[in-house]
Amino acid sequence: MNTLTRRSLLKNTARLMATTVTVPYLVRCSALGADASVAPSERLTMGAIGLGGQGMHNLRNFLTCVDLRVLAVCDVDAKHRSRAKDTVDAAYGNKDCAAYNDFRDILMRDDIDTVLIATPDHWHAIISVEAARAGKDIYCEKPISLTIAEGRAVADTIKRLGTVYQSGTQRRSIGCFRFAVDVTRSGMLGPLRTLHCYYHNGPTCPPQKPEAVPKGFDYDRWLGPAPFEAYTPRRCHGSFRWLYDYSGGQLTDLGAHFNDLAQWAHDSQYSGPVEYEGWAEFPRDGLFNTPVRFEVVATYPDGVKMVYHDETEPGRGPRGNKFVGDDGWVSVDDTGKVTASSKAIMDKLKVSQRDYNYMTGHHRNFLDCVKTRSQPISNAEVSHRSVTTCHAGNICLRLGRKLRWDPENERFLNNETANRMLARAMRSPWSL
């Protein structure tokens, strides 16, 4: 059965289903085929693009899914590419995995149904749009985009083409975080007042001297649509998050998770705040240029405030969320610890600690939705709206002024300087 026929079959099956699968569940991917005897015609296929630390973490989880076959990997770093191919080949006991330097080689293959995208952030939108146009369903690491305009382009493309898109906001698939959201949405906290999002401070980096590009690293392709800059190791791989050309610092790295949960708790998954104000301390010199210290207060039309904190409250614990209403509060963090203002809330708690295999539930939700043509738990529109709160917060901090936002038209009100920051120019030949 070829890819086109398989995809048509999946869509036709979905039309016959009376319900839509959208709620994630914490099971290993292999649970749906414990004996690994899945017929080739029933197995999805995948190509993986971007195989650094998070990309490999995603890849290893997908390799446990017996109803999925990874056929190809792609990375502009030959070391990452070779490591990923070896990992896939070892999982399947053969040497069949193809390895590419150019993501378009994966998109051209008719035998690949889905793609994993775990590149640096400045590549997410371009590859997602091209993958959707190529007929691939998409699991893309967060954030969905580098800018608000890019996010809108991705969400609109996904909707127009009927692509299944899952963002890597995996905390939606962790029981303790889902509990805090459900309690808040249930009304147990009374009228909401404040949605706290706790991150970490941003890092700094001293000035770096240009170096020769390492052999096997296609640096020009790594830069892609970003402006050209001389190579230095601290610019690339894990450190890219702290440079505006490629990411948005802690606001988009951790904000993509915790702002997303706050949006969900407030039932604003398809809208957002209307005002942004805050303060930030930026690096005085050196390579990194995203905020080190910061606070943003985003206000919804009903007066509820979402607050982005650069560090946790003294004695509070690791990064996480705290939702506060007139009648109580609930708090959750990355250790899986849940606390609340009342015994009644805690009595409802069904999960007491983090499931460290939580990503398998998020991946399982994606694969099931590919088969049923359903909306995943972190679909493109929801992910775009959540990350918009991060991008808008960054624009507010960079301009150092209070901003008013129109969520319906996705424009700042009476501030054309801010509106010019909704998109960024792309280095030729890349575009959306």
Protein backbone atom coordinates (compact mmCIF):
# COMPACT_ATOMS: atom_id res chain seq x y z
CA MET A 1 0.00 0.00 0.00
CA ASN A 2 1.59 3.29 -1.02
CA THR A 3 1.62 6.49 1.03
CA LEU A 4 -1.20 8.17 -0.87
CA THR A 5 -3.49 5.17 -0.48
CA ARG A 6 -2.64 4.78 3.20
CA ARG A 7 -3.30 8.47 3.87
CA SER A 8 -6.61 8.30 2.00
CA LEU A 9 -7.58 5.25 4.02
CA LEU A 10 -6.82 7.05 7.28
CA LYS A 11 -8.97 10.01 6.27
CA ASN A 12 -11.86 7.81 5.19
CA THR A 13 -11.68 5.86 8.46
CA ALA A 14 -11.78 9.11 10.42
CA ARG A 15 -15.05 10.12 8.75
CA LEU A 16 -16.70 6.98 10.11
CA MET A 17 -15.64 7.64 13.70
CA ALA A 18 -18.27 9.11 15.98
CA THR A 19 -15.84 10.61 18.50
CA THR A 20 -12.64 12.62 18.33
CA VAL A 21 -9.57 11.57 20.27
CA THR A 22 -8.02 14.67 21.82
CA VAL A 23 -7.14 13.81 25.42
CA PRO A 24 -3.62 12.44 25.96
CA TYR A 25 -2.92 9.45 28.09
CA LEU A 26 0.29 8.34 29.74
CA VAL A 27 1.12 5.03 28.05
CA ARG A 28 4.18 3.88 26.19
CA CYS A 29 3.93 4.04 22.42
CA SER A 30 4.41 0.27 22.22
CA ALA A 31 1.20 -0.34 24.17
CA LEU A 32 -0.88 -0.57 21.00
CA GLY A 33 1.19 -3.40 19.59
CA ALA A 34 2.96 -5.24 22.34
CA ASP A 35 3.88 -8.18 20.09
CA ALA A 36 5.32 -5.86 17.45
CA SER A 37 3.35 -7.73 14.74
CA VAL A 38 1.92 -4.67 13.02
CA ALA A 39 1.22 -5.16 9.33
CA PRO A 40 3.30 -2.86 7.08
CA SER A 41 0.08 -1.46 5.59
CA GLU A 42 -1.04 -0.37 9.07
CA ARG A 43 2.27 1.16 10.08
CA LEU A 44 2.97 4.88 9.80
CA THR A 45 6.34 6.10 8.58
CA MET A 46 8.44 9.05 9.74
CA GLY A 47 11.41 11.18 8.80
CA ALA A 48 13.22 13.02 11.62
CA ILE A 49 14.67 16.49 11.02
CA GLY A 50 16.99 18.09 13.57
CA LEU A 51 18.67 15.57 15.85
CA GLY A 52 20.32 17.49 18.65
CA GLY A 53 19.50 16.82 22.30
CA GLN A 54 15.72 17.29 22.18
CA GLY A 55 15.49 15.79 18.72
CA MET A 56 17.18 12.60 19.91
CA HIS A 57 14.91 12.47 22.96
CA ASN A 58 11.88 12.64 20.66
CA LEU A 59 13.38 10.14 18.24
CA ARG A 60 14.08 7.54 20.93
CA ASN A 61 10.49 7.79 22.16
CA PHE A 62 9.07 7.41 18.66
CA LEU A 63 11.27 4.36 18.12
CA THR A 64 9.30 2.55 20.86
CA CYS A 65 6.12 2.85 18.78
CA VAL A 66 5.62 -0.46 16.96
CA ASP A 67 3.04 1.08 14.64
CA LEU A 68 5.63 3.61 13.39
CA ARG A 69 8.73 3.09 11.27
CA VAL A 70 11.43 5.77 11.10
CA LEU A 71 12.83 5.65 7.57
CA ALA A 72 15.15 8.64 7.44
CA VAL A 73 16.99 11.23 9.52
CA CYS A 74 18.30 14.67 8.65
CA ASP A 75 20.71 17.05 10.36
CA VAL A 76 23.19 19.65 9.12
CA ASP A 77 25.75 18.37 11.63
CA ALA A 78 27.32 15.14 10.39
CA LYS A 79 27.95 13.95 13.97
CA HIS A 80 24.26 14.38 14.89
CA ARG A 81 23.21 12.78 11.62
CA SER A 82 25.44 9.74 12.10
CA ARG A 83 24.37 9.30 15.73
CA ALA A 84 20.70 9.42 14.74
CA LYS A 85 21.12 6.92 11.91
CA ASP A 86 23.01 4.54 14.20
CA THR A 87 20.23 4.85 16.81
CA VAL A 88 17.52 4.02 14.28
CA ASP A 89 19.47 1.16 12.72
CA ALA A 90 20.18 -0.33 16.15
CA ALA A 91 16.49 -0.17 17.05
CA TYR A 92 15.47 -2.08 13.91
CA GLY A 93 18.49 -4.35 13.59
CA ASN A 94 19.43 -3.26 10.07
CA LYS A 95 21.23 -0.50 8.13
CA ASP A 96 18.19 0.79 6.23
CA CYS A 97 17.81 4.31 7.71
CA ALA A 98 18.66 7.00 5.16
CA ALA A 99 20.59 10.06 6.33
CA TYR A 100 20.33 13.52 4.73
CA ASN A 101 21.80 16.97 5.12
CA ASP A 102 18.86 18.77 3.44
CA PHE A 103 15.36 18.44 4.96
CA ARG A 104 13.83 18.69 1.49
CA ASP A 105 15.20 15.24 0.65
CA ILE A 106 12.90 13.82 3.32
CA LEU A 107 9.90 15.85 2.16
CA MET A 108 10.34 14.56 -1.41
CA ARG A 109 9.91 10.93 -0.35
CA ASP A 110 6.44 9.54 -1.08
CA ASP A 111 6.91 6.71 1.41
CA ILE A 112 7.13 9.03 4.45
CA ASP A 113 3.84 9.94 6.17
CA THR A 114 5.01 12.08 9.10
CA VAL A 115 7.94 14.24 10.11
CA LEU A 116 9.53 15.07 13.42
CA ILE A 117 10.94 18.62 13.41
CA ALA A 118 13.34 19.44 16.24
CA THR A 119 15.58 22.04 14.63
CA PRO A 120 16.43 25.43 16.18
CA ASP A 121 13.38 27.69 16.41
CA HIS A 122 14.15 29.87 13.38
CA TRP A 123 13.60 26.85 11.12
CA HIS A 124 10.32 25.61 12.63
CA ALA A 125 7.90 27.62 10.50
CA ILE A 126 9.61 27.14 7.13
CA ILE A 127 9.99 23.38 7.50
CA SER A 128 6.46 22.99 8.92
CA VAL A 129 4.88 24.85 5.99
CA GLU A 130 6.96 22.94 3.44
CA ALA A 131 6.15 19.64 5.14
CA ALA A 132 2.41 20.38 5.13
CA ARG A 133 2.58 21.28 1.44
CA ALA A 134 4.36 17.98 0.83
CA GLY A 135 1.48 16.11 2.47
CA LYS A 136 3.27 15.17 5.68
CA ASP A 137 1.73 15.25 9.16
CA ILE A 138 3.92 17.06 11.66
CA TYR A 139 5.26 16.71 15.18
CA CYS A 140 7.24 19.92 15.72
CA GLU A 141 9.12 20.99 18.82
CA LYS A 142 8.00 24.20 20.48
CA PRO A 143 7.77 27.07 19.82
CA ILE A 144 5.73 26.86 16.65
CA SER A 145 7.51 29.92 15.23
CA LEU A 146 10.16 32.60 15.62
CA THR A 147 7.60 35.40 15.15
CA ILE A 148 3.86 35.99 15.42
CA ALA A 149 3.54 36.31 11.64
CA GLU A 150 5.29 32.98 11.12
CA GLY A 151 2.99 31.30 13.62
CA ARG A 152 -0.07 32.60 11.82
CA ALA A 153 1.32 31.31 8.51
CA VAL A 154 1.85 27.84 10.00
CA ALA A 155 -1.58 27.67 11.65
CA ASP A 156 -3.35 28.83 8.50
CA THR A 157 -1.44 26.38 6.30
CA ILE A 158 -2.18 23.47 8.63
CA LYS A 159 -5.88 24.32 8.65
CA ARG A 160 -6.12 24.81 4.89
CA LEU A 161 -4.39 21.54 4.04
CA GLY A 162 -5.94 19.39 6.77
CA THR A 163 -2.54 18.50 8.22
CA VAL A 164 -2.29 16.89 11.65
CA TYR A 165 0.11 19.04 13.69
CA GLN A 166 1.32 18.43 17.22
CA SER A 167 3.54 20.95 19.04
CA GLY A 168 6.08 19.65 21.53
CA THR A 169 4.41 21.29 24.53
CA GLN A 170 4.61 17.98 26.36
CA ARG A 171 3.51 19.26 29.76
CA ARG A 172 -0.05 19.09 28.44
CA SER A 173 0.44 15.32 28.63
CA ILE A 174 1.71 15.24 32.23
CA GLY A 175 -0.94 14.24 34.75
CA CYS A 176 0.02 16.74 37.46
CA PHE A 177 -0.12 19.73 35.11
CA ARG A 178 -3.37 18.52 33.59
CA PHE A 179 -4.78 18.23 37.13
CA ALA A 180 -3.98 21.89 37.90
CA VAL A 181 -5.61 22.98 34.66
CA ASP A 182 -8.71 20.86 35.25
CA VAL A 183 -9.15 22.14 38.81
CA THR A 184 -8.91 25.72 37.57
CA ARG A 185 -11.35 25.17 34.72
CA SER A 186 -13.79 23.37 37.04
CA GLY A 187 -14.45 26.53 39.06
CA MET A 188 -13.06 25.20 42.34
CA LEU A 189 -10.82 28.26 42.65
CA GLY A 190 -13.71 30.64 42.15
CA PRO A 191 -13.32 33.63 39.81
CA LEU A 192 -9.74 33.67 38.52
CA ARG A 193 -7.37 36.49 39.41
CA THR A 194 -3.78 35.56 38.55
CA LEU A 195 -2.05 32.92 36.42
CA HIS A 196 1.60 32.65 37.46
CA CYS A 197 4.22 31.21 35.09
CA TYR A 198 7.61 30.53 36.69
CA TYR A 199 10.68 30.21 34.44
CA HIS A 200 14.41 30.68 35.11
CA ASN A 201 16.71 33.65 34.65
CA GLY A 202 18.29 33.95 31.22
CA PRO A 203 22.03 33.27 30.81
CA THR A 204 24.82 35.58 29.64
CA CYS A 205 27.87 34.87 27.51
CA PRO A 206 31.07 36.91 27.12
CA PRO A 207 32.15 38.09 23.65
CA GLN A 208 33.18 35.21 21.41
CA LYS A 209 35.88 35.21 18.73
CA PRO A 210 34.97 33.85 15.28
CA GLU A 211 36.26 30.35 14.62
CA ALA A 212 36.59 28.05 11.65
CA VAL A 213 33.46 26.04 10.96
CA PRO A 214 34.03 22.42 12.06
CA LYS A 215 34.31 19.79 9.36
CA GLY A 216 30.97 18.12 8.74
CA PHE A 217 28.87 21.04 9.98
CA ASP A 218 26.88 22.85 7.27
CA TYR A 219 26.84 26.19 9.05
CA ASP A 220 25.31 28.15 6.18
CA ARG A 221 22.34 25.79 6.12
CA TRP A 222 22.13 25.93 9.92
CA LEU A 223 21.77 29.73 9.66
CA GLY A 224 19.22 29.34 6.88
CA PRO A 225 16.81 32.31 6.96
CA ALA A 226 18.69 34.07 9.78
CA PRO A 227 21.18 36.90 9.10
CA PHE A 228 24.73 35.82 8.38
CA GLU A 229 27.09 35.91 11.37
CA ALA A 230 30.59 34.50 11.78
CA TYR A 231 30.66 31.05 13.33
CA THR A 232 31.31 30.51 17.02
CA PRO A 233 30.31 27.35 18.93
CA ARG A 234 28.23 29.23 21.52
CA ARG A 235 25.98 30.53 18.73
CA CYS A 236 24.80 27.08 17.70
CA HIS A 237 23.16 23.95 19.01
CA GLY A 238 21.81 24.33 22.57
CA SER A 239 22.91 27.94 22.98
CA PHE A 240 20.87 29.26 20.05
CA ARG A 241 17.94 29.91 22.45
CA TRP A 242 19.64 32.98 23.89
CA LEU A 243 19.98 34.91 20.62
CA TYR A 244 17.06 36.77 19.04
CA ASP A 245 18.08 35.78 15.52
CA TYR A 246 17.18 32.18 16.32
CA SER A 247 14.86 32.16 19.33
CA GLY A 248 13.35 34.31 22.13
CA GLY A 249 15.19 33.36 25.32
CA GLN A 250 13.34 32.02 28.32
CA LEU A 251 10.08 33.62 27.19
CA THR A 252 9.79 31.26 24.23
CA ASP A 253 11.78 28.34 25.64
CA LEU A 254 9.86 27.90 28.92
CA GLY A 255 7.01 30.28 28.18
CA ALA A 256 5.90 28.00 25.35
CA HIS A 257 5.10 25.47 28.09
CA PHE A 258 3.87 27.46 31.06
CA ASN A 259 2.05 30.25 29.21
CA ASP A 260 0.36 27.50 27.22
CA LEU A 261 -0.93 25.88 30.42
CA ALA A 262 -2.14 29.26 31.71
CA GLN A 263 -3.96 29.93 28.44
CA TRP A 264 -5.61 26.53 28.74
CA ALA A 265 -6.57 27.07 32.39
CA HIS A 266 -8.13 30.42 31.47
CA ASP A 267 -10.03 28.88 28.54
CA SER A 268 -8.26 31.26 26.15
CA GLN A 269 -6.68 28.70 23.85
CA TYR A 270 -8.00 30.50 20.77
CA SER A 271 -7.52 34.07 21.98
CA GLY A 272 -5.21 35.78 24.46
CA PRO A 273 -4.43 38.84 26.59
CA VAL A 274 -5.09 42.37 25.39
CA GLU A 275 -2.38 44.27 27.31
CA TYR A 276 1.30 43.63 28.00
CA GLU A 277 3.64 45.50 30.33
CA GLY A 278 6.81 44.64 32.18
CA TRP A 279 10.52 45.20 32.69
CA ALA A 280 13.73 43.44 31.71
CA GLU A 281 17.48 43.50 32.21
CA PHE A 282 19.40 42.59 29.07
CA PRO A 283 23.04 41.49 28.75
CA ARG A 284 25.29 44.56 28.62
CA ASP A 285 27.72 42.95 26.18
CA GLY A 286 28.70 39.56 24.87
CA LEU A 287 27.06 37.10 22.51
CA PHE A 288 23.65 36.50 24.09
CA ASN A 289 21.01 39.23 23.81
CA THR A 290 17.75 37.88 25.26
CA PRO A 291 16.51 38.99 28.72
CA VAL A 292 18.40 37.88 31.81
CA ARG A 293 15.98 39.24 34.43
CA PHE A 294 12.38 40.09 33.57
CA GLU A 295 8.74 40.19 34.51
CA VAL A 296 5.76 40.52 32.19
CA VAL A 297 2.15 41.09 33.21
CA ALA A 298 -0.37 40.22 30.48
CA THR A 299 -3.99 41.16 31.11
CA TYR A 300 -7.02 39.40 29.61
CA PRO A 301 -10.26 41.23 28.72
CA ASP A 302 -11.87 39.98 31.96
CA GLY A 303 -9.08 41.49 34.07
CA VAL A 304 -7.32 38.20 34.85
CA LYS A 305 -3.53 38.63 34.79
CA MET A 306 -0.93 36.19 33.53
CA VAL A 307 2.46 36.93 35.12
CA TYR A 308 5.74 35.62 33.66
CA HIS A 309 8.37 35.36 36.41
CA ASP A 310 12.09 35.10 35.71
CA GLU A 311 12.65 32.98 38.81
CA THR A 312 10.61 31.13 41.38
CA GLU A 313 9.38 32.67 44.59
CA PRO A 314 11.74 32.10 47.55
CA GLY A 315 11.18 28.58 48.84
CA ARG A 316 8.60 27.79 46.17
CA GLY A 317 10.58 25.21 44.23
CA PRO A 318 11.26 24.51 40.51
CA ARG A 319 9.67 26.06 37.46
CA GLY A 320 5.94 25.58 37.02
CA ASN A 321 2.53 27.26 37.38
CA LYS A 322 0.32 28.65 40.14
CA PHE A 323 -3.30 29.52 39.43
CA VAL A 324 -5.05 31.81 41.91
CA GLY A 325 -8.75 32.58 42.29
CA ASP A 326 -10.98 34.26 44.87
CA ASP A 327 -11.71 30.92 46.57
CA GLY A 328 -8.31 29.25 46.47
CA TRP A 329 -5.21 28.33 44.48
CA VAL A 330 -3.41 25.34 43.00
CA SER A 331 0.30 25.05 42.24
CA VAL A 332 2.33 22.51 40.24
CA ASP A 333 5.99 22.28 39.27
CA ASP A 334 8.39 20.21 37.20
CA THR A 335 9.12 17.75 40.01
CA GLY A 336 5.48 16.69 39.88
CA LYS A 337 4.69 18.34 43.21
CA VAL A 338 1.13 19.61 43.53
CA THR A 339 -0.01 21.87 46.35
CA ALA A 340 -3.29 23.66 46.86
CA SER A 341 -5.16 25.95 49.24
CA SER A 342 -7.62 23.35 50.49
CA LYS A 343 -8.00 19.67 51.32
CA ALA A 344 -10.97 19.52 48.96
CA ILE A 345 -8.70 20.28 46.02
CA MET A 346 -5.99 17.85 47.12
CA ASP A 347 -8.56 15.11 47.64
CA LYS A 348 -9.18 15.18 43.90
CA LEU A 349 -5.52 14.61 43.13
CA LYS A 350 -4.92 11.36 41.26
CA VAL A 351 -1.25 11.82 40.32
CA SER A 352 1.34 12.77 42.92
CA GLN A 353 4.59 12.77 40.98
CA ARG A 354 5.90 13.30 37.51
CA ASP A 355 5.86 10.47 35.01
CA TYR A 356 9.36 10.66 33.54
CA ASN A 357 8.21 8.86 30.39
CA TYR A 358 5.59 11.55 29.84
CA MET A 359 6.63 12.28 26.25
CA THR A 360 5.37 8.89 25.13
CA GLY A 361 1.81 10.00 25.90
CA HIS A 362 2.29 13.15 23.85
CA HIS A 363 3.76 11.18 20.95
CA ARG A 364 1.03 8.56 21.21
CA ASN A 365 -1.62 11.27 20.99
CA PHE A 366 -0.01 12.55 17.79
CA LEU A 367 0.13 9.14 16.11
CA ASP A 368 -3.44 8.30 17.08
CA CYS A 369 -4.62 11.62 15.66
CA VAL A 370 -2.76 10.96 12.41
CA LYS A 371 -4.73 7.73 12.10
CA THR A 372 -8.10 9.27 13.03
CA ARG A 373 -7.47 12.70 11.42
CA SER A 374 -8.34 14.28 14.79
CA GLN A 375 -6.99 17.40 16.45
CA PRO A 376 -4.05 16.65 18.80
CA ILE A 377 -3.83 18.07 22.30
CA SER A 378 -1.31 20.73 21.10
CA ASN A 379 -2.68 21.60 17.68
CA ALA A 380 -1.28 24.39 15.52
CA GLU A 381 -3.84 27.12 16.31
CA VAL A 382 -3.64 26.53 20.07
CA SER A 383 0.16 26.48 19.93
CA HIS A 384 0.29 29.66 17.88
CA ARG A 385 -1.98 31.50 20.31
CA SER A 386 0.08 30.39 23.31
CA VAL A 387 3.42 31.34 21.76
CA THR A 388 1.94 34.67 20.66
CA THR A 389 1.82 35.60 24.36
CA CYS A 390 5.56 34.87 24.53
CA HIS A 391 6.43 36.84 21.40
CA ALA A 392 4.24 39.78 22.44
CA GLY A 393 5.93 39.76 25.86
CA ASN A 394 9.34 39.88 24.21
CA ILE A 395 8.29 42.80 21.99
CA CYS A 396 6.99 44.63 25.06
CA LEU A 397 10.30 44.12 26.88
CA ARG A 398 12.44 45.11 23.89
CA LEU A 399 10.50 48.33 23.38
CA GLY A 400 10.26 49.03 27.10
CA ARG A 401 6.64 50.17 26.92
CA LYS A 402 3.12 49.00 27.64
CA LEU A 403 1.39 47.56 24.61
CA ARG A 404 -2.24 46.93 23.72
CA TRP A 405 -3.02 43.87 21.61
CA ASP A 406 -5.95 42.87 19.41
CA PRO A 407 -6.13 39.03 19.55
CA GLU A 408 -8.71 38.82 16.76
CA ASN A 409 -6.72 40.77 14.18
CA GLU A 410 -3.33 39.97 15.71
CA ARG A 411 -2.09 43.54 15.66
CA PHE A 412 -0.84 45.96 18.27
CA LEU A 413 -3.11 48.97 18.70
CA ASN A 414 -1.67 52.39 17.85
CA ASN A 415 1.96 51.20 17.84
CA GLU A 416 3.41 50.66 14.39
CA THR A 417 6.89 50.12 15.80
CA ALA A 418 5.61 47.04 17.61
CA ASN A 419 3.68 45.92 14.52
CA ARG A 420 6.87 46.00 12.48
CA MET A 421 8.23 43.40 14.90
CA LEU A 422 5.47 40.90 14.10
CA ALA A 423 7.62 39.52 11.27
CA ARG A 424 11.29 39.45 10.32
CA ALA A 425 13.07 39.50 7.00
CA MET A 426 14.50 36.17 5.87
CA ARG A 427 17.86 35.64 4.23
CA SER A 428 17.58 34.58 0.60
CA PRO A 429 16.51 32.14 -0.73
CA TRP A 430 14.29 31.26 2.23
CA SER A 431 10.74 32.53 2.60
CA LEU A 432 7.25 31.49 3.69
